[in-house]
Amino acid sequence: MNSLTSREREVVLALAEGLSNKDVGRRLNISEGTVKVHLHNIYSKLAVKNRTALVVRAFAELASVRSRLHAANSDFERAELVA
């Protein structure tokens, strides 16, 4: 997901909410055609074939980030207890 532009990330987040291309466009104030162009670029960059695979990957990466943050916080809390 790091290879995506900030706008492409916004599109992914909107898709993860279950929005249609039309609704993504409305939310981001872009045309439905522009949403489709962004999706094409996202699919290419992430090597996914459809929006379902894209959203699954987005949720998997989010879970991974949360897990790493939780582990880092636990390490920090343990370090504070020892200090």
Protein backbone atom coordinates (compact mmCIF):
# COMPACT_ATOMS: atom_id res chain seq x y z
CA MET A 1 0.00 0.00 0.00
CA ASN A 2 3.02 2.27 0.38
CA SER A 3 3.26 2.56 -3.40
CA LEU A 4 -0.15 4.23 -3.60
CA THR A 5 -0.68 7.97 -3.80
CA SER A 6 -2.66 9.66 -1.05
CA ARG A 7 -5.66 9.93 -3.41
CA GLU A 8 -5.44 6.24 -4.27
CA ARG A 9 -5.41 5.44 -0.54
CA GLU A 10 -8.55 7.55 -0.13
CA VAL A 11 -10.21 5.51 -2.88
CA VAL A 12 -9.20 2.26 -1.16
CA LEU A 13 -10.59 3.44 2.19
CA ALA A 14 -13.86 4.45 0.57
CA LEU A 15 -14.12 1.06 -1.14
CA ALA A 16 -13.44 -0.64 2.19
CA GLU A 17 -16.54 1.14 3.49
CA GLY A 18 -18.51 -0.54 0.72
CA LEU A 19 -19.07 2.54 -1.43
CA SER A 20 -19.80 2.21 -5.13
CA ASN A 21 -17.62 3.96 -7.70
CA LYS A 22 -20.30 6.63 -8.01
CA ASP A 23 -20.39 7.20 -4.26
CA VAL A 24 -16.58 7.25 -4.03
CA GLY A 25 -16.59 9.94 -6.70
CA ARG A 26 -19.15 11.98 -4.82
CA ARG A 27 -17.25 11.69 -1.56
CA LEU A 28 -13.92 12.66 -3.13
CA ASN A 29 -15.43 15.22 -5.49
CA ILE A 30 -14.15 13.44 -8.60
CA SER A 31 -15.94 11.86 -11.54
CA GLU A 32 -16.86 8.19 -11.63
CA GLY A 33 -14.50 7.87 -14.59
CA THR A 34 -11.63 9.22 -12.49
CA VAL A 35 -12.46 6.69 -9.78
CA LYS A 36 -12.18 3.94 -12.40
CA VAL A 37 -8.79 5.28 -13.53
CA HIS A 38 -7.59 5.28 -9.92
CA LEU A 39 -8.85 1.72 -9.48
CA HIS A 40 -7.03 0.56 -12.60
CA ASN A 41 -3.81 2.11 -11.29
CA ILE A 42 -4.33 0.63 -7.82
CA TYR A 43 -4.99 -2.85 -9.21
CA SER A 44 -1.82 -2.63 -11.28
CA LYS A 45 0.35 -1.37 -8.45
CA LEU A 46 -0.89 -3.96 -5.95
CA ALA A 47 -1.30 -6.83 -8.43
CA VAL A 48 -4.93 -7.48 -7.51
CA LYS A 49 -7.66 -8.38 -9.96
CA ASN A 50 -10.78 -6.86 -8.42
CA ARG A 51 -12.18 -4.67 -5.66
CA THR A 52 -12.85 -7.63 -3.37
CA ALA A 53 -9.20 -8.70 -3.47
CA LEU A 54 -8.19 -5.07 -2.96
CA VAL A 55 -10.35 -4.64 0.14
CA VAL A 56 -9.18 -7.97 1.58
CA ARG A 57 -5.58 -6.85 1.13
CA ALA A 58 -6.32 -3.46 2.68
CA PHE A 59 -7.89 -5.05 5.76
CA ALA A 60 -5.02 -7.55 6.05
CA GLU A 61 -2.45 -4.74 5.94
CA LEU A 62 -4.43 -2.71 8.47
CA ALA A 63 -4.55 -5.71 10.82
CA SER A 64 -0.81 -6.15 10.42
CA VAL A 65 -0.13 -2.50 11.25
CA ARG A 66 -2.40 -2.65 14.30
CA SER A 67 -0.66 -5.81 15.48
CA ARG A 68 2.78 -4.19 15.16
CA LEU A 69 1.56 -1.07 17.00
CA HIS A 70 0.10 -3.20 19.78
CA ALA A 71 3.36 -5.13 20.12
CA ALA A 72 5.37 -1.90 20.18
CA ASN A 73 3.11 -0.44 22.87
CA SER A 74 3.46 -3.60 24.96
CA ASP A 75 7.25 -3.45 24.66
CA PHE A 76 7.18 0.22 25.67
CA GLU A 77 4.97 -0.52 28.70
CA ARG A 78 7.26 -3.33 29.83
CA ALA A 79 10.29 -1.05 29.48
CA GLU A 80 8.57 1.57 31.64
CA LEU A 81 7.84 -1.01 34.33
CA VAL A 82 11.48 -2.11 34.42
CA ALA A 83 12.83 1.44 34.54
